[in-house]
Amino acid sequence: MNTTYLPGTQIEIINEVERGKIKHVLFDFDGTISLLREGWQRIMVPVCVEMICGDTEPTQAIIDEVNVMIDETTGIQTIFQMQRLQEMVRAHGLVPEDKIMEPIDYKKVYNDRLMEPVRARIAQLDSGEKTVEDYTVRGVLRFLELIAQQDVSMYVFSGTDRDDVRNEAARVGVAPYFKEIWGALPSVEEYSKEKIIRDIIAEHHLEGPQVLAIGDGPVELRNVKEAGGIALGIASDEVNGKGWDMSKRLRLLRAGADILIPDFLEADKLIEYLFPK
């Protein structure tokens, strides 16, 4: 594959898309806008390994299997990841059947552990020890400001629970930009990223290139591509909040990204490309 960048930028053009038609923009939240949940994988992996192995010493093969599962499912609702976890627990047979938990219970264990660092980071924002720039992807606040000046409707669609994503969007100061902030609800019938894209296209009688999805996970990019929309992948290094995460870049390439960026540092050039005059 020939790598093509917009001249003088790190904006990687994978597929030429029909530009200038975008009317609705869907943003993933964690890793795309917010860094409050940075490191969630480092919490989910040991939770999954612990649940699969019970009192048995973990093997590298099980750890690798968990990493692959998380890599493949980044962006979907946590409850679906926990359904996969339950299947893995049962398949390995290291935990007695009567000790295998329901997906909702695995999710509670994981969420309880994840919310410890999230609450600590929010407390740092509240105290002024940290700023919203510390807990957002580089340049995203500028990008939101610029894209809000276009004739578009903007939404968040996240795999994080709805009340949590709404609270965290408010804490990092981005909530006012969005017409709606969607997050996970108890059932797939009520909410999924695929359903949101389908509903928006049907409700507004849109053509594919009128919808842009921006995310760091394969799920939202695959969903928008299947609907004929434009997929902008952000291969964000969440630890540093800027620059490329090359493993994430490969995952987004496989998911069908049309455009790839490491962060939003080049927001002005990106807007010029997406919304040509």
C-alpha atoms as a PDB file:
ATOM      1  CA  MET A   1       0.000   0.000   0.000  1.00  0.00           C
ATOM      2  CA  ASN A   2       1.337   3.399  -0.968  1.00  0.00           C
ATOM      3  CA  THR A   3       1.242   5.787   1.952  1.00  0.00           C
ATOM      4  CA  THR A   4       0.008   9.235   0.932  1.00  0.00           C
ATOM      5  CA  TYR A   5       0.045  12.195   3.278  1.00  0.00           C
ATOM      6  CA  LEU A   6      -1.454  15.617   2.836  1.00  0.00           C
ATOM      7  CA  PRO A   7       1.595  17.730   1.924  1.00  0.00           C
ATOM      8  CA  GLY A   8       3.586  18.796   4.972  1.00  0.00           C
ATOM      9  CA  THR A   9       1.330  16.925   7.422  1.00  0.00           C
ATOM     10  CA  GLN A  10       0.908  13.606   9.217  1.00  0.00           C
ATOM     11  CA  ILE A  11      -2.638  13.295   7.826  1.00  0.00           C
ATOM     12  CA  GLU A  12      -2.545   9.936   6.038  1.00  0.00           C
ATOM     13  CA  ILE A  13      -4.951   9.490   3.119  1.00  0.00           C
ATOM     14  CA  ILE A  14      -5.759   5.810   2.601  1.00  0.00           C
ATOM     15  CA  ASN A  15      -8.779   6.161   0.313  1.00  0.00           C
ATOM     16  CA  GLU A  16      -9.900   9.172  -1.680  1.00  0.00           C
ATOM     17  CA  VAL A  17     -13.420   9.978  -0.462  1.00  0.00           C
ATOM     18  CA  GLU A  18     -16.158  12.257  -1.720  1.00  0.00           C
ATOM     19  CA  ARG A  19     -15.513  15.372   0.330  1.00  0.00           C
ATOM     20  CA  GLY A  20     -17.547  18.455   1.111  1.00  0.00           C
ATOM     21  CA  LYS A  21     -20.837  16.651   1.754  1.00  0.00           C
ATOM     22  CA  ILE A  22     -20.491  15.869   5.480  1.00  0.00           C
ATOM     23  CA  LYS A  23     -23.604  16.760   7.501  1.00  0.00           C
ATOM     24  CA  HIS A  24     -23.414  14.448  10.533  1.00  0.00           C
ATOM     25  CA  VAL A  25     -20.275  13.657  12.528  1.00  0.00           C
ATOM     26  CA  LEU A  26     -20.084  10.806  15.042  1.00  0.00           C
ATOM     27  CA  PHE A  27     -17.244  10.795  17.565  1.00  0.00           C
ATOM     28  CA  ASP A  28     -16.094   7.915  19.677  1.00  0.00           C
ATOM     29  CA  PHE A  29     -15.129   9.261  23.116  1.00  0.00           C
ATOM     30  CA  ASP A  30     -12.426   7.339  24.999  1.00  0.00           C
ATOM     31  CA  GLY A  31      -9.090   7.592  23.187  1.00  0.00           C
ATOM     32  CA  THR A  32     -10.617   9.856  20.525  1.00  0.00           C
ATOM     33  CA  ILE A  33     -11.530  12.841  22.699  1.00  0.00           C
ATOM     34  CA  SER A  34     -10.950  11.889  26.335  1.00  0.00           C
ATOM     35  CA  LEU A  35      -7.948  10.353  28.107  1.00  0.00           C
ATOM     36  CA  LEU A  36      -9.730   9.981  31.453  1.00  0.00           C
ATOM     37  CA  ARG A  37      -9.931   6.208  30.871  1.00  0.00           C
ATOM     38  CA  GLU A  38      -6.405   5.818  29.531  1.00  0.00           C
ATOM     39  CA  GLY A  39      -5.085   2.434  30.605  1.00  0.00           C
ATOM     40  CA  TRP A  40      -8.468   0.657  30.660  1.00  0.00           C
ATOM     41  CA  GLN A  41      -6.880  -2.275  28.820  1.00  0.00           C
ATOM     42  CA  ARG A  42      -4.293  -2.660  31.616  1.00  0.00           C
ATOM     43  CA  ILE A  43      -7.234  -3.070  34.002  1.00  0.00           C
ATOM     44  CA  MET A  44      -9.419  -5.283  31.800  1.00  0.00           C
ATOM     45  CA  VAL A  45      -6.651  -7.795  30.983  1.00  0.00           C
ATOM     46  CA  PRO A  46      -5.924  -8.866  34.596  1.00  0.00           C
ATOM     47  CA  VAL A  47      -9.659  -8.916  35.418  1.00  0.00           C
ATOM     48  CA  CYS A  48     -10.310 -11.279  32.493  1.00  0.00           C
ATOM     49  CA  VAL A  49      -7.287 -13.477  33.254  1.00  0.00           C
ATOM     50  CA  GLU A  50      -8.290 -13.680  36.909  1.00  0.00           C
ATOM     51  CA  MET A  51     -11.857 -14.686  36.030  1.00  0.00           C
ATOM     52  CA  ILE A  52     -10.729 -17.332  33.502  1.00  0.00           C
ATOM     53  CA  CYS A  53      -8.067 -18.892  35.733  1.00  0.00           C
ATOM     54  CA  GLY A  54      -9.731 -18.762  39.156  1.00  0.00           C
ATOM     55  CA  ASP A  55      -7.224 -20.373  41.543  1.00  0.00           C
ATOM     56  CA  THR A  56      -5.049 -21.696  38.692  1.00  0.00           C
ATOM     57  CA  GLU A  57      -1.794 -19.989  37.735  1.00  0.00           C
ATOM     58  CA  PRO A  58      -2.302 -18.035  34.460  1.00  0.00           C
ATOM     59  CA  THR A  59      -0.462 -19.175  31.337  1.00  0.00           C
ATOM     60  CA  GLN A  60       0.977 -16.879  28.696  1.00  0.00           C
ATOM     61  CA  ALA A  61      -1.419 -18.445  26.181  1.00  0.00           C
ATOM     62  CA  ILE A  62      -4.432 -17.299  28.236  1.00  0.00           C
ATOM     63  CA  ILE A  63      -2.993 -13.792  28.631  1.00  0.00           C
ATOM     64  CA  ASP A  64      -2.396 -13.647  24.861  1.00  0.00           C
ATOM     65  CA  GLU A  65      -5.943 -14.864  24.164  1.00  0.00           C
ATOM     66  CA  VAL A  66      -7.372 -12.125  26.396  1.00  0.00           C
ATOM     67  CA  ASN A  67      -5.252  -9.475  24.665  1.00  0.00           C
ATOM     68  CA  VAL A  68      -6.514 -10.607  21.251  1.00  0.00           C
ATOM     69  CA  MET A  69     -10.139 -10.526  22.457  1.00  0.00           C
ATOM     70  CA  ILE A  70      -9.741  -6.964  23.783  1.00  0.00           C
ATOM     71  CA  ASP A  71      -7.915  -5.860  20.627  1.00  0.00           C
ATOM     72  CA  GLU A  72     -10.728  -7.190  18.422  1.00  0.00           C
ATOM     73  CA  THR A  73     -13.553  -5.741  20.523  1.00  0.00           C
ATOM     74  CA  THR A  74     -12.239  -2.237  21.325  1.00  0.00           C
ATOM     75  CA  GLY A  75     -15.118   0.193  20.857  1.00  0.00           C
ATOM     76  CA  ILE A  76     -18.065  -2.099  21.521  1.00  0.00           C
ATOM     77  CA  GLN A  77     -20.134  -1.977  24.687  1.00  0.00           C
ATOM     78  CA  THR A  78     -18.321  -3.396  27.706  1.00  0.00           C
ATOM     79  CA  ILE A  79     -21.156  -5.862  28.323  1.00  0.00           C
ATOM     80  CA  PHE A  80     -20.373  -7.573  24.986  1.00  0.00           C
ATOM     81  CA  GLN A  81     -16.735  -7.922  26.010  1.00  0.00           C
ATOM     82  CA  MET A  82     -17.935  -9.487  29.249  1.00  0.00           C
ATOM     83  CA  GLN A  83     -20.133 -11.905  27.293  1.00  0.00           C
ATOM     84  CA  ARG A  84     -17.005 -12.981  25.433  1.00  0.00           C
ATOM     85  CA  LEU A  85     -15.238 -13.301  28.789  1.00  0.00           C
ATOM     86  CA  GLN A  86     -17.956 -15.623  30.093  1.00  0.00           C
ATOM     87  CA  GLU A  87     -17.560 -17.819  26.981  1.00  0.00           C
ATOM     88  CA  MET A  88     -13.786 -17.940  27.572  1.00  0.00           C
ATOM     89  CA  VAL A  89     -14.217 -18.825  31.260  1.00  0.00           C
ATOM     90  CA  ARG A  90     -16.513 -21.695  30.293  1.00  0.00           C
ATOM     91  CA  ALA A  91     -14.278 -22.865  27.428  1.00  0.00           C
ATOM     92  CA  HIS A  92     -11.147 -23.115  29.604  1.00  0.00           C
ATOM     93  CA  GLY A  93     -12.966 -25.032  32.347  1.00  0.00           C
ATOM     94  CA  LEU A  94     -10.681 -23.841  35.137  1.00  0.00           C
ATOM     95  CA  VAL A  95     -13.559 -22.400  37.187  1.00  0.00           C
ATOM     96  CA  PRO A  96     -16.414 -24.609  38.468  1.00  0.00           C
ATOM     97  CA  GLU A  97     -19.717 -24.008  36.651  1.00  0.00           C
ATOM     98  CA  ASP A  98     -21.404 -22.767  39.826  1.00  0.00           C
ATOM     99  CA  LYS A  99     -18.684 -20.085  40.206  1.00  0.00           C
ATOM    100  CA  ILE A 100     -19.043 -18.707  36.656  1.00  0.00           C
ATOM    101  CA  MET A 101     -20.595 -15.266  36.880  1.00  0.00           C
ATOM    102  CA  GLU A 102     -23.048 -13.462  34.619  1.00  0.00           C
ATOM    103  CA  PRO A 103     -21.606 -10.874  32.160  1.00  0.00           C
ATOM    104  CA  ILE A 104     -23.217  -8.049  34.154  1.00  0.00           C
ATOM    105  CA  ASP A 105     -21.323  -9.215  37.276  1.00  0.00           C
ATOM    106  CA  TYR A 106     -17.994  -9.406  35.425  1.00  0.00           C
ATOM    107  CA  LYS A 107     -18.689  -5.899  34.144  1.00  0.00           C
ATOM    108  CA  LYS A 108     -19.225  -4.651  37.710  1.00  0.00           C
ATOM    109  CA  VAL A 109     -15.865  -6.074  38.837  1.00  0.00           C
ATOM    110  CA  TYR A 110     -14.119  -4.398  35.911  1.00  0.00           C
ATOM    111  CA  ASN A 111     -15.968  -1.067  36.250  1.00  0.00           C
ATOM    112  CA  ASP A 112     -15.285  -0.877  39.993  1.00  0.00           C
ATOM    113  CA  ARG A 113     -11.542  -1.201  39.345  1.00  0.00           C
ATOM    114  CA  LEU A 114     -11.546   1.140  36.339  1.00  0.00           C
ATOM    115  CA  MET A 115     -13.401   3.921  38.127  1.00  0.00           C
ATOM    116  CA  GLU A 116     -10.678   4.248  40.789  1.00  0.00           C
ATOM    117  CA  PRO A 117      -8.174   5.968  38.427  1.00  0.00           C
ATOM    118  CA  VAL A 118     -10.990   7.749  36.547  1.00  0.00           C
ATOM    119  CA  ARG A 119     -12.300   9.319  39.770  1.00  0.00           C
ATOM    120  CA  ALA A 120      -8.750  10.266  40.783  1.00  0.00           C
ATOM    121  CA  ARG A 121      -8.230  12.052  37.432  1.00  0.00           C
ATOM    122  CA  ILE A 122     -11.546  13.885  37.709  1.00  0.00           C
ATOM    123  CA  ALA A 123     -10.517  14.998  41.214  1.00  0.00           C
ATOM    124  CA  GLN A 124      -7.281  16.393  39.720  1.00  0.00           C
ATOM    125  CA  LEU A 125      -9.366  18.403  37.229  1.00  0.00           C
ATOM    126  CA  ASP A 126     -11.653  19.668  39.969  1.00  0.00           C
ATOM    127  CA  SER A 127      -8.712  20.751  42.145  1.00  0.00           C
ATOM    128  CA  GLY A 128      -6.918  22.481  39.278  1.00  0.00           C
ATOM    129  CA  GLU A 129      -3.918  20.171  39.601  1.00  0.00           C
ATOM    130  CA  LYS A 130      -4.576  19.086  35.983  1.00  0.00           C
ATOM    131  CA  THR A 131      -6.231  20.863  33.040  1.00  0.00           C
ATOM    132  CA  VAL A 132      -8.603  19.533  30.390  1.00  0.00           C
ATOM    133  CA  GLU A 133      -5.646  19.588  27.956  1.00  0.00           C
ATOM    134  CA  ASP A 134      -3.953  16.995  30.193  1.00  0.00           C
ATOM    135  CA  TYR A 135      -6.874  14.599  29.816  1.00  0.00           C
ATOM    136  CA  THR A 136      -7.857  15.116  26.186  1.00  0.00           C
ATOM    137  CA  VAL A 137      -6.157  14.026  22.953  1.00  0.00           C
ATOM    138  CA  ARG A 138      -3.832  16.750  21.654  1.00  0.00           C
ATOM    139  CA  GLY A 139      -5.617  19.342  19.525  1.00  0.00           C
ATOM    140  CA  VAL A 140      -9.117  17.872  19.902  1.00  0.00           C
ATOM    141  CA  LEU A 141     -10.518  20.969  21.624  1.00  0.00           C
ATOM    142  CA  ARG A 142      -9.366  23.109  18.681  1.00  0.00           C
ATOM    143  CA  PHE A 143     -10.757  20.555  16.207  1.00  0.00           C
ATOM    144  CA  LEU A 144     -14.162  20.555  17.936  1.00  0.00           C
ATOM    145  CA  GLU A 145     -14.212  24.338  17.861  1.00  0.00           C
ATOM    146  CA  LEU A 146     -13.445  24.375  14.109  1.00  0.00           C
ATOM    147  CA  ILE A 147     -15.789  21.592  13.068  1.00  0.00           C
ATOM    148  CA  ALA A 148     -18.624  23.160  15.085  1.00  0.00           C
ATOM    149  CA  GLN A 149     -18.323  26.153  12.715  1.00  0.00           C
ATOM    150  CA  GLN A 150     -19.277  23.925   9.763  1.00  0.00           C
ATOM    151  CA  ASP A 151     -22.887  23.158   8.911  1.00  0.00           C
ATOM    152  CA  VAL A 152     -22.891  19.795  10.718  1.00  0.00           C
ATOM    153  CA  SER A 153     -24.611  18.009  13.591  1.00  0.00           C
ATOM    154  CA  MET A 154     -22.196  16.356  16.030  1.00  0.00           C
ATOM    155  CA  TYR A 155     -22.736  13.373  18.300  1.00  0.00           C
ATOM    156  CA  VAL A 156     -20.794  11.143  20.672  1.00  0.00           C
ATOM    157  CA  PHE A 157     -21.409   7.414  20.430  1.00  0.00           C
ATOM    158  CA  SER A 158     -19.432   5.468  22.999  1.00  0.00           C
ATOM    159  CA  GLY A 159     -19.187   1.930  24.341  1.00  0.00           C
ATOM    160  CA  THR A 160     -18.924   3.416  27.850  1.00  0.00           C
ATOM    161  CA  ASP A 161     -22.125   3.515  29.947  1.00  0.00           C
ATOM    162  CA  ARG A 162     -24.255   6.505  28.961  1.00  0.00           C
ATOM    163  CA  ASP A 163     -24.341   8.270  32.350  1.00  0.00           C
ATOM    164  CA  ASP A 164     -20.560   7.935  32.691  1.00  0.00           C
ATOM    165  CA  VAL A 165     -19.747   9.228  29.208  1.00  0.00           C
ATOM    166  CA  ARG A 166     -22.100  12.192  29.686  1.00  0.00           C
ATOM    167  CA  ASN A 167     -20.484  13.037  33.009  1.00  0.00           C
ATOM    168  CA  GLU A 168     -16.953  12.694  31.615  1.00  0.00           C
ATOM    169  CA  ALA A 169     -17.777  14.765  28.510  1.00  0.00           C
ATOM    170  CA  ALA A 170     -18.946  17.532  30.824  1.00  0.00           C
ATOM    171  CA  ARG A 171     -15.820  17.247  32.993  1.00  0.00           C
ATOM    172  CA  VAL A 172     -13.467  17.720  30.020  1.00  0.00           C
ATOM    173  CA  GLY A 173     -15.582  20.602  28.709  1.00  0.00           C
ATOM    174  CA  VAL A 174     -16.783  19.133  25.408  1.00  0.00           C
ATOM    175  CA  ALA A 175     -20.445  18.330  26.119  1.00  0.00           C
ATOM    176  CA  PRO A 176     -21.816  21.617  24.641  1.00  0.00           C
ATOM    177  CA  TYR A 177     -20.513  20.718  21.167  1.00  0.00           C
ATOM    178  CA  PHE A 178     -22.769  17.695  20.796  1.00  0.00           C
ATOM    179  CA  LYS A 179     -26.399  17.416  19.768  1.00  0.00           C
ATOM    180  CA  GLU A 180     -26.555  14.070  21.552  1.00  0.00           C
ATOM    181  CA  ILE A 181     -24.198  11.990  23.707  1.00  0.00           C
ATOM    182  CA  TRP A 182     -24.981   8.300  23.438  1.00  0.00           C
ATOM    183  CA  GLY A 183     -23.481   5.587  25.561  1.00  0.00           C
ATOM    184  CA  ALA A 184     -24.138   1.973  26.389  1.00  0.00           C
ATOM    185  CA  LEU A 185     -27.583   0.939  27.622  1.00  0.00           C
ATOM    186  CA  PRO A 186     -28.553  -2.465  29.039  1.00  0.00           C
ATOM    187  CA  SER A 187     -29.500  -4.062  25.703  1.00  0.00           C
ATOM    188  CA  VAL A 188     -28.274  -4.042  22.091  1.00  0.00           C
ATOM    189  CA  GLU A 189     -31.852  -3.395  20.972  1.00  0.00           C
ATOM    190  CA  GLU A 190     -31.684  -0.043  22.754  1.00  0.00           C
ATOM    191  CA  TYR A 191     -28.174   0.960  21.710  1.00  0.00           C
ATOM    192  CA  SER A 192     -25.273  -0.013  19.497  1.00  0.00           C
ATOM    193  CA  LYS A 193     -22.949   2.055  17.310  1.00  0.00           C
ATOM    194  CA  GLU A 194     -24.254   0.251  14.231  1.00  0.00           C
ATOM    195  CA  LYS A 195     -27.861   1.101  15.205  1.00  0.00           C
ATOM    196  CA  ILE A 196     -26.994   4.790  15.747  1.00  0.00           C
ATOM    197  CA  ILE A 197     -25.416   5.108  12.277  1.00  0.00           C
ATOM    198  CA  ARG A 198     -28.336   3.286  10.641  1.00  0.00           C
ATOM    199  CA  ASP A 199     -30.926   5.424  12.457  1.00  0.00           C
ATOM    200  CA  ILE A 200     -29.218   8.737  11.605  1.00  0.00           C
ATOM    201  CA  ILE A 201     -28.950   7.834   7.906  1.00  0.00           C
ATOM    202  CA  ALA A 202     -32.618   6.749   7.780  1.00  0.00           C
ATOM    203  CA  GLU A 203     -33.978   9.683   9.812  1.00  0.00           C
ATOM    204  CA  HIS A 204     -32.194  12.354   7.757  1.00  0.00           C
ATOM    205  CA  HIS A 205     -32.357  10.541   4.375  1.00  0.00           C
ATOM    206  CA  LEU A 206     -28.592  10.727   4.018  1.00  0.00           C
ATOM    207  CA  GLU A 207     -26.147   9.404   1.454  1.00  0.00           C
ATOM    208  CA  GLY A 208     -23.000   7.705   2.758  1.00  0.00           C
ATOM    209  CA  PRO A 209     -20.493  10.588   2.317  1.00  0.00           C
ATOM    210  CA  GLN A 210     -22.759  12.819   4.417  1.00  0.00           C
ATOM    211  CA  VAL A 211     -21.761  10.810   7.505  1.00  0.00           C
ATOM    212  CA  LEU A 212     -18.293  10.927   9.090  1.00  0.00           C
ATOM    213  CA  ALA A 213     -17.259   8.697  11.995  1.00  0.00           C
ATOM    214  CA  ILE A 214     -14.133   9.540  14.008  1.00  0.00           C
ATOM    215  CA  GLY A 215     -12.704   6.933  16.341  1.00  0.00           C
ATOM    216  CA  ASP A 216      -9.722   4.997  17.634  1.00  0.00           C
ATOM    217  CA  GLY A 217     -11.486   1.611  17.603  1.00  0.00           C
ATOM    218  CA  PRO A 218     -12.268  -0.701  14.690  1.00  0.00           C
ATOM    219  CA  VAL A 219     -15.966  -1.063  15.568  1.00  0.00           C
ATOM    220  CA  GLU A 220     -17.121   2.465  14.730  1.00  0.00           C
ATOM    221  CA  LEU A 221     -14.995   2.568  11.561  1.00  0.00           C
ATOM    222  CA  ARG A 222     -16.318  -0.751  10.250  1.00  0.00           C
ATOM    223  CA  ASN A 223     -19.889   0.305  11.054  1.00  0.00           C
ATOM    224  CA  VAL A 224     -19.657   3.585   9.140  1.00  0.00           C
ATOM    225  CA  LYS A 225     -17.875   1.967   6.188  1.00  0.00           C
ATOM    226  CA  GLU A 226     -20.625  -0.657   5.912  1.00  0.00           C
ATOM    227  CA  ALA A 227     -23.100   2.242   5.705  1.00  0.00           C
ATOM    228  CA  GLY A 228     -21.079   3.927   2.949  1.00  0.00           C
ATOM    229  CA  GLY A 229     -19.801   6.733   5.174  1.00  0.00           C
ATOM    230  CA  ILE A 230     -16.346   8.198   5.752  1.00  0.00           C
ATOM    231  CA  ALA A 231     -14.065   6.668   8.397  1.00  0.00           C
ATOM    232  CA  LEU A 232     -11.460   8.864  10.094  1.00  0.00           C
ATOM    233  CA  GLY A 233      -9.217   6.793  12.354  1.00  0.00           C
ATOM    234  CA  ILE A 234      -7.243   8.344  15.181  1.00  0.00           C
ATOM    235  CA  ALA A 235      -4.298   6.139  16.111  1.00  0.00           C
ATOM    236  CA  SER A 236      -3.757   8.009  19.365  1.00  0.00           C
ATOM    237  CA  ASP A 237      -0.977   7.197  21.804  1.00  0.00           C
ATOM    238  CA  GLU A 238      -3.140   7.540  24.903  1.00  0.00           C
ATOM    239  CA  VAL A 239      -0.246   7.362  27.371  1.00  0.00           C
ATOM    240  CA  ASN A 240       1.343  10.508  25.910  1.00  0.00           C
ATOM    241  CA  GLY A 241      -1.881  12.016  24.554  1.00  0.00           C
ATOM    242  CA  LYS A 242      -0.167  12.700  21.219  1.00  0.00           C
ATOM    243  CA  GLY A 243       1.693  10.976  18.393  1.00  0.00           C
ATOM    244  CA  TRP A 244       1.130   7.609  16.734  1.00  0.00           C
ATOM    245  CA  ASP A 245       0.238   4.319  18.388  1.00  0.00           C
ATOM    246  CA  MET A 246       1.400   2.089  15.538  1.00  0.00           C
ATOM    247  CA  SER A 247      -0.438  -1.034  16.721  1.00  0.00           C
ATOM    248  CA  LYS A 248      -3.648   1.005  16.808  1.00  0.00           C
ATOM    249  CA  ARG A 249      -2.856   2.334  13.310  1.00  0.00           C
ATOM    250  CA  LEU A 250      -2.678  -1.223  11.910  1.00  0.00           C
ATOM    251  CA  ARG A 251      -5.958  -2.150  13.610  1.00  0.00           C
ATOM    252  CA  LEU A 252      -7.677   0.902  12.080  1.00  0.00           C
ATOM    253  CA  LEU A 253      -6.215   0.159   8.640  1.00  0.00           C
ATOM    254  CA  ARG A 254      -7.687  -3.355   8.820  1.00  0.00           C
ATOM    255  CA  ALA A 255     -11.045  -1.846   9.840  1.00  0.00           C
ATOM    256  CA  GLY A 256     -11.127   0.204   6.636  1.00  0.00           C
ATOM    257  CA  ALA A 257     -10.066   3.705   7.708  1.00  0.00           C
ATOM    258  CA  ASP A 258     -10.166   6.242   4.862  1.00  0.00           C
ATOM    259  CA  ILE A 259      -8.022   8.784   6.709  1.00  0.00           C
ATOM    260  CA  LEU A 260      -5.593   8.245   9.599  1.00  0.00           C
ATOM    261  CA  ILE A 261      -4.191  10.774  12.066  1.00  0.00           C
ATOM    262  CA  PRO A 262      -2.151  10.410  15.272  1.00  0.00           C
ATOM    263  CA  ASP A 263      -3.946  13.280  17.047  1.00  0.00           C
ATOM    264  CA  PHE A 264      -5.641  16.570  16.145  1.00  0.00           C
ATOM    265  CA  LEU A 265      -2.560  18.783  16.151  1.00  0.00           C
ATOM    266  CA  GLU A 266      -3.175  19.613  12.469  1.00  0.00           C
ATOM    267  CA  ALA A 267      -6.839  20.439  13.027  1.00  0.00           C
ATOM    268  CA  ASP A 268      -6.895  23.380  10.602  1.00  0.00           C
ATOM    269  CA  LYS A 269      -5.478  21.341   7.702  1.00  0.00           C
ATOM    270  CA  LEU A 270      -7.807  18.435   8.491  1.00  0.00           C
ATOM    271  CA  ILE A 271     -10.856  20.724   8.398  1.00  0.00           C
ATOM    272  CA  GLU A 272      -9.682  22.196   5.078  1.00  0.00           C
ATOM    273  CA  TYR A 273      -9.422  18.683   3.656  1.00  0.00           C
ATOM    274  CA  LEU A 274     -12.797  17.450   4.951  1.00  0.00           C
ATOM    275  CA  PHE A 275     -14.670  20.654   4.101  1.00  0.00           C
ATOM    276  CA  PRO A 276     -13.060  22.015   0.915  1.00  0.00           C
ATOM    277  CA  LYS A 277     -14.197  25.503  -0.019  1.00  0.00           C
END
